[in-house]
Protein backbone atom coordinates (compact mmCIF):
# COMPACT_ATOMS: atom_id res chain seq x y z
CA MET A 1 -14.38 14.22 -20.05
CA VAL A 2 -10.85 14.91 -19.73
CA ASP A 3 -8.87 15.87 -22.83
CA PRO A 4 -6.18 13.12 -23.47
CA LYS A 5 -3.47 15.79 -24.15
CA THR A 6 -4.27 17.60 -20.95
CA TYR A 7 -4.37 14.17 -19.09
CA ILE A 8 -0.75 13.28 -20.46
CA GLN A 9 0.57 16.90 -19.59
CA GLU A 10 -0.51 16.51 -16.02
CA GLY A 11 0.57 12.85 -16.06
CA LEU A 12 4.18 13.93 -17.14
CA LYS A 13 4.12 16.40 -14.41
CA THR A 14 3.33 13.95 -11.81
CA ILE A 15 6.11 11.61 -13.15
CA LYS A 16 8.60 14.28 -12.85
CA THR A 17 7.79 14.94 -9.26
CA LEU A 18 7.79 11.00 -8.58
CA ILE A 19 11.39 10.96 -10.16
CA GLU A 20 12.47 13.67 -7.95
CA GLN A 21 11.26 12.02 -4.97
CA ASN A 22 13.02 8.74 -6.34
CA HIS A 23 9.82 6.88 -6.55
CA LEU A 24 10.87 5.23 -9.67
CA ILE A 25 8.50 2.07 -9.77
CA THR A 26 5.69 4.23 -9.26
CA ALA A 27 6.72 6.67 -11.86
CA LEU A 28 7.22 3.55 -14.34
CA ARG A 29 3.62 2.44 -13.67
CA ALA A 30 2.44 6.09 -14.23
CA GLY A 31 4.38 6.23 -17.46
CA GLU A 32 2.87 2.86 -18.67
CA GLU A 33 -0.49 4.29 -18.00
CA LEU A 34 0.20 7.35 -20.13
CA ALA A 35 1.35 5.04 -23.00
CA ARG A 36 -1.91 3.25 -22.96
CA VAL A 37 -3.69 6.57 -23.59
CA ASN A 38 -1.38 7.48 -26.38
CA PRO A 39 1.33 4.83 -27.22
CA TYR A 40 2.97 7.25 -29.80
CA ASP A 41 3.50 10.25 -27.74
CA ARG A 42 7.29 11.18 -27.83
CA LYS A 43 7.42 12.91 -24.50
CA VAL A 44 5.71 9.73 -22.92
CA LEU A 45 8.18 7.35 -24.58
CA ASN A 46 11.02 9.53 -23.59
CA ALA A 47 9.91 9.61 -20.00
CA LEU A 48 9.55 5.90 -19.94
CA ALA A 49 12.92 5.56 -21.41
CA ASN A 50 14.41 7.99 -18.71
CA ILE A 51 12.80 6.09 -15.89
CA GLN A 52 13.95 2.65 -17.11
CA ALA A 53 17.55 4.05 -17.32
CA LEU A 54 17.29 5.41 -13.83
CA ILE A 55 16.00 2.13 -12.50
CA GLN A 56 18.81 0.18 -14.12
CA LYS A 57 21.38 2.85 -12.66
CA GLU A 58 19.94 2.26 -9.24
CA ASN A 59 19.93 -1.55 -9.74
CA GLU A 60 23.71 -1.33 -10.79
CA ALA A 61 24.60 0.74 -7.81
CA ASN A 62 22.74 -1.81 -5.30
CA VAL A 63 24.61 -4.51 -7.19
CA ASP A 64 28.05 -2.81 -6.70
CA ARG A 65 27.20 -2.23 -2.93
CA ASP A 66 26.28 -5.76 -2.59
CA ILE A 67 29.31 -7.14 -4.41
CA ALA A 68 31.57 -5.03 -2.07
CA SER A 69 29.86 -6.04 1.11
CA THR A 70 30.28 -9.90 0.14
CA MET A 71 33.85 -9.99 -1.12
CA HIS A 72 35.15 -11.47 2.18
CA LEU A 73 33.09 -14.72 1.18
CA TRP A 74 35.78 -15.22 -1.46
CA ASP A 75 38.71 -15.31 1.35
CA GLU A 76 36.48 -17.65 3.43
CA GLY A 77 35.89 -20.10 0.65
CA LYS A 78 32.08 -19.90 0.95
CA PHE A 79 31.29 -20.38 -2.74
CA ASP A 80 27.95 -21.90 -2.32
CA GLU A 81 26.87 -18.64 -0.47
CA LEU A 82 28.31 -16.56 -3.08
CA GLN A 83 26.54 -18.45 -5.82
CA LYS A 84 23.17 -17.83 -4.10
CA ILE A 85 23.95 -13.99 -3.76
CA TYR A 86 25.17 -13.65 -7.29
CA SER A 87 22.26 -15.49 -8.79
CA LYS A 88 19.86 -13.17 -6.99
CA LEU A 89 21.84 -9.96 -8.01
CA TYR A 90 21.93 -11.36 -11.55
CA GLN A 91 18.03 -10.91 -11.59
CA PHE A 92 18.26 -7.42 -11.14
CA SER A 93 21.16 -6.33 -13.42
CA PRO A 94 21.92 -9.25 -15.79
CA GLN A 95 24.16 -7.00 -17.85
CA HIS A 96 26.38 -5.83 -14.97
CA LYS A 97 29.89 -6.51 -16.26
CA ARG A 98 31.72 -7.01 -12.94
CA LEU A 99 28.98 -9.44 -11.66
CA ARG A 100 29.10 -11.45 -14.85
CA ALA A 101 32.91 -11.68 -14.35
CA LEU A 102 32.50 -12.90 -10.79
CA ILE A 103 30.05 -15.46 -11.66
CA ILE A 104 32.55 -16.81 -14.23
CA LYS A 105 35.46 -16.74 -11.71
CA LEU A 106 33.07 -18.44 -9.30
CA ASN A 107 32.46 -21.24 -11.63
CA GLU A 108 36.18 -21.73 -12.30
CA GLN A 109 36.84 -21.94 -8.49
CA MET A 110 34.73 -24.97 -8.21
CA ASN A 111 36.72 -28.11 -7.66
CA GLU A 112 36.53 -31.04 -10.24
CA GLY A 113 34.14 -32.97 -7.85
CA GLN A 114 31.69 -30.08 -7.40
CA LYS A 115 32.02 -29.29 -11.07
CA LYS A 116 31.11 -32.88 -12.18
CA GLU A 117 28.27 -32.89 -9.80
CA HIS A 118 27.22 -29.60 -11.10
CA ASP A 119 27.33 -30.44 -14.65
CA GLU A 120 25.26 -33.60 -14.02
CA PHE A 121 22.61 -31.76 -12.39
CA ILE A 122 22.48 -29.18 -15.17
CA ASP A 123 22.31 -31.93 -17.83
CA GLN A 124 19.40 -33.58 -16.10
CA ALA A 125 17.59 -30.23 -15.49
CA VAL A 126 18.16 -29.45 -19.17
CA GLU A 127 16.67 -32.71 -20.23
CA ALA A 128 13.64 -32.35 -18.08
CA ILE A 129 12.89 -28.92 -19.47
CA LYS A 130 13.07 -30.31 -22.95
CA ASN A 131 10.73 -33.16 -22.09
CA LEU A 132 8.28 -30.57 -20.69
CA ILE A 133 8.38 -28.60 -23.80
CA SER A 134 7.81 -31.50 -26.09
CA GLU A 135 4.72 -32.46 -23.90
CA LYS A 136 3.60 -28.73 -24.37
CA ASN A 137 3.65 -28.36 -20.70
CA TYR A 138 5.10 -24.83 -21.18
CA THR A 139 4.14 -23.41 -17.69
CA ASP A 140 6.09 -26.04 -15.80
CA ALA A 141 8.87 -25.71 -18.40
CA ILE A 142 9.25 -21.95 -17.66
CA GLN A 143 9.27 -22.42 -13.87
CA ALA A 144 11.98 -25.19 -14.40
CA GLY A 145 13.84 -22.84 -16.56
CA ASN A 146 13.69 -20.05 -14.16
CA GLU A 147 14.91 -22.13 -11.30
CA LEU A 148 17.69 -23.53 -13.30
CA LEU A 149 18.94 -19.99 -14.28
CA GLN A 150 18.87 -19.04 -10.60
CA TYR A 151 21.21 -21.87 -10.01
CA ASP A 152 23.36 -21.23 -13.06
CA PRO A 153 22.56 -17.74 -14.43
CA LEU A 154 24.63 -17.91 -17.53
CA ASN A 155 23.68 -21.25 -18.82
CA SER A 156 23.00 -20.77 -22.44
CA ALA A 157 21.02 -23.87 -23.02
CA ALA A 158 18.73 -23.09 -20.18
CA GLN A 159 18.26 -19.61 -21.58
CA LYS A 160 17.25 -20.81 -25.04
CA LEU A 161 14.85 -23.43 -23.63
CA LEU A 162 13.19 -20.73 -21.36
CA LYS A 163 12.77 -18.63 -24.39
CA LYS A 164 11.37 -21.67 -26.37
CA ALA A 165 8.82 -22.46 -23.67
CA LYS A 166 7.74 -18.80 -23.27
CA THR A 167 7.10 -18.64 -26.98
CA GLY A 168 5.23 -21.86 -26.98
CA LEU A 169 3.09 -20.85 -24.13
CA ILE A 170 2.24 -17.39 -25.81
CA ASP A 171 1.43 -19.03 -29.23
CA MET A 172 -0.76 -21.77 -27.32
CA LYS A 173 -2.80 -18.74 -25.57
CA LEU A 174 -2.93 -16.80 -28.79
CA THR A 175 -4.56 -19.70 -30.65
CA GLU A 176 -6.94 -20.50 -27.51
CA ASN A 177 -7.89 -16.90 -27.56
CA SER A 178 -8.51 -16.29 -31.15
CA GLN A 179 -12.15 -15.41 -30.98
CA LEU A 180 -11.42 -12.61 -28.45
CA LEU A 181 -8.61 -11.25 -30.61
CA GLU A 182 -10.97 -11.17 -33.70
CA SER A 183 -13.68 -9.40 -31.77
CA ALA A 184 -13.94 -5.60 -31.48
CA ASP A 185 -13.48 -5.63 -27.55
CA PHE A 186 -10.04 -3.91 -27.83
CA GLU A 187 -9.80 -3.25 -24.02
CA ARG A 188 -10.00 -6.98 -23.06
CA ALA A 189 -7.54 -7.92 -25.83
CA LEU A 190 -5.10 -5.14 -24.72
CA GLU A 191 -5.36 -6.61 -21.19
CA PHE A 192 -4.67 -10.14 -22.63
CA TYR A 193 -1.70 -8.89 -24.63
CA GLU A 194 -0.33 -7.32 -21.66
CA SER A 195 -0.55 -10.58 -19.77
CA LEU A 196 1.35 -12.22 -22.51
CA ARG A 197 4.18 -9.47 -22.49
CA ARG A 198 4.62 -10.14 -18.77
CA ILE A 199 5.63 -13.86 -19.92
CA ASP A 200 7.89 -12.48 -22.61
CA PRO A 201 8.27 -8.72 -23.20
CA ASP A 202 10.33 -9.26 -26.37
CA HIS A 203 7.73 -11.43 -28.24
CA SER A 204 7.55 -9.49 -31.56
CA VAL A 205 4.09 -10.80 -32.51
CA VAL A 206 2.50 -9.81 -29.18
CA ASN A 207 4.23 -6.45 -29.18
CA ARG A 208 2.91 -5.72 -32.73
CA LEU A 209 -0.59 -6.84 -31.78
CA SER A 210 -0.46 -4.68 -28.57
CA GLN A 211 0.60 -1.66 -30.57
CA GLN A 212 -2.19 -2.06 -33.05
CA THR A 213 -4.74 -2.58 -30.32
CA LYS A 214 -3.64 0.69 -28.42
CA ALA A 215 -3.86 2.37 -31.94
CA HIS A 216 -7.60 1.10 -32.01
CA ILE A 217 -8.27 2.28 -28.52
CA ALA A 218 -6.89 5.66 -29.18
CA GLU A 219 -9.05 5.91 -32.40
CA LYS A 220 -12.13 4.69 -30.63
CA LYS A 221 -11.60 7.40 -27.75
CA LEU A 222 -11.04 10.04 -30.30
CA LEU A 223 -14.32 9.12 -32.31
CA ALA A 224 -16.22 8.93 -28.91
CA SER A 225 -14.82 12.27 -28.00
CA LYS A 226 -15.82 13.89 -31.47
CA ILE A 227 -19.43 12.29 -31.04
CA THR A 228 -19.62 13.76 -27.56
CA LEU A 229 -18.39 17.07 -28.90
CA ASN A 230 -20.88 17.13 -31.85
CA GLU A 231 -23.65 16.38 -29.46
CA SER A 232 -22.65 18.98 -27.14
CA ILE A 233 -22.61 21.55 -29.97
CA ALA A 234 -25.96 20.57 -31.17
CA ARG A 235 -27.43 20.94 -27.64
CA MET A 236 -25.81 24.41 -27.34
CA LYS A 237 -27.18 25.57 -30.50
CA GLU A 238 -30.76 24.32 -29.46
CA LEU A 239 -30.40 26.07 -26.11
CA PHE A 240 -29.37 29.32 -27.86
CA THR A 241 -32.41 29.05 -30.12
CA LYS A 242 -34.48 28.67 -27.00
CA ARG A 243 -32.81 31.85 -25.39
CA GLU A 244 -31.60 29.80 -22.38
CA TYR A 245 -28.25 31.71 -22.41
CA GLU A 246 -27.17 30.64 -18.94
CA LYS A 247 -27.42 27.16 -19.96
CA VAL A 248 -25.65 27.97 -23.25
CA LEU A 249 -22.79 29.16 -21.17
CA GLN A 250 -22.66 25.84 -19.24
CA ALA A 251 -22.79 23.93 -22.58
CA CYS A 252 -19.85 26.12 -23.77
CA ASP A 253 -17.65 25.25 -20.84
CA GLU A 254 -18.50 21.48 -21.58
CA ILE A 255 -17.37 21.85 -25.18
CA GLU A 256 -14.06 23.69 -24.15
CA SER A 257 -13.31 20.90 -21.62
CA ILE A 258 -13.84 18.37 -24.53
CA ASP A 259 -11.99 20.37 -27.30
CA PRO A 260 -10.06 23.34 -25.85
CA GLY A 261 -10.20 26.23 -28.20
CA ASN A 262 -12.96 25.16 -30.02
CA TRP A 263 -14.18 27.90 -32.28
CA THR A 264 -17.98 27.33 -32.27
CA GLY A 265 -18.01 26.97 -28.57
CA ARG A 266 -16.18 30.15 -27.84
CA SER A 267 -18.23 32.08 -30.65
CA TYR A 268 -21.47 31.16 -28.93
CA LYS A 269 -20.04 31.90 -25.59
CA LYS A 270 -19.42 35.52 -26.64
CA LYS A 271 -22.84 35.70 -28.22
CA ALA A 272 -24.56 34.34 -25.14
CA GLN A 273 -22.44 36.85 -22.77
CA ALA A 274 -23.37 39.83 -25.06
CA THR A 275 -27.16 38.69 -25.09
CA ILE A 276 -27.25 38.54 -21.41
CA GLU A 277 -25.60 41.76 -20.84
CA ARG A 278 -28.03 43.42 -23.31
CA GLU A 279 -30.98 41.95 -21.60
CA SER A 280 -29.64 42.94 -18.16
CA ASP A 281 -29.09 46.50 -19.42
CA SER A 282 -32.82 46.39 -20.84
CA VAL A 283 -34.18 45.22 -17.39
CA GLU A 284 -32.42 48.01 -15.62
CA LEU A 285 -33.53 50.67 -18.05
CA LYS A 286 -37.01 49.46 -17.69
CA GLN A 287 -36.86 49.52 -13.92
CA LEU A 288 -35.44 53.07 -13.96
CA THR A 289 -38.24 54.32 -16.37
CA GLU A 290 -40.90 52.91 -14.19
CA LEU A 291 -39.31 54.42 -11.08
CA TRP A 292 -39.02 57.89 -12.96
CA LYS A 293 -43.00 57.67 -13.75
CA THR A 294 -43.53 57.03 -9.99
CA MET A 295 -41.34 59.90 -9.00
CA ALA A 296 -42.03 62.47 -11.69
CA PRO A 297 -44.88 64.12 -9.88
CA GLN A 298 -42.97 64.35 -6.70
CA VAL A 299 -40.04 66.00 -8.46
CA LYS A 300 -42.29 68.38 -10.36
CA GLU A 301 -43.97 69.31 -7.11
CA HIS A 302 -40.67 69.75 -4.93
CA PRO A 303 -37.92 70.12 -7.35
CA GLU A 304 -35.75 71.55 -4.68
CA ASN A 305 -35.36 68.37 -2.96
CA TYR A 306 -33.69 66.70 -5.82
CA THR A 307 -30.22 67.14 -7.38
CA ARG A 308 -29.91 67.17 -11.27
CA LEU A 309 -26.97 64.89 -12.49
């Protein structure tokens, strides 16, 4: 059984290597895995924050590059093409200041006819999303909201409706799965919460429940580890009583892997090693004594053939 602290230490080393190799998404997945082992480990949380900052920085650099490579479209008047490009870039870096400014500028460039058509389409799309939400058809409402934001990324009405649809879908799923959430199946519950967080990572209730469940899982693992440790210690003592010292050493190694530095395990290991050495010395002494008994008559008869040490 791998010690959680050791697992996290090795995982952080792996994450460091992945970052150095610029495998940021893989590093992020590894960090999330460590957070499931111990959601309160400060080093893990710092590593996750660092990875997310690096990903954001990389996204911003990519957006800068793409903006620079498409500036000629402004001179060519290809505003529809620019709108598609900026909508995609916005998904990667929604806080990018220059991108937001360019989107605003692009909207201002649209002529009155285009703007009227654009506004009518937006109004119809917003109304359709409202109807879907009122019908509790949250999945379709989310899809429609995302599609509208791809067309008009800064539309505040669409942003609010998308948030409302996500909240409605999550609340509905929480109600439908109340039996699972009230059970002691924390692993399945955590998987369920993670699926909800993929819908809306900022849902406060889901985040709180997810953290509580992670704490329960950590407690459960700790308790299981303690039970395994106690069973291993009891087995080690029983083997020592039976004088099976080689097996005692194996049991001590098992205890060390579960609880590094365990005093009882180390104490019995020293006792077992000392006993094995004493018994080994005793066997050798007995063999030498028997050999001497065999050779004594020859030594007595021909002492000149032997050297005294």
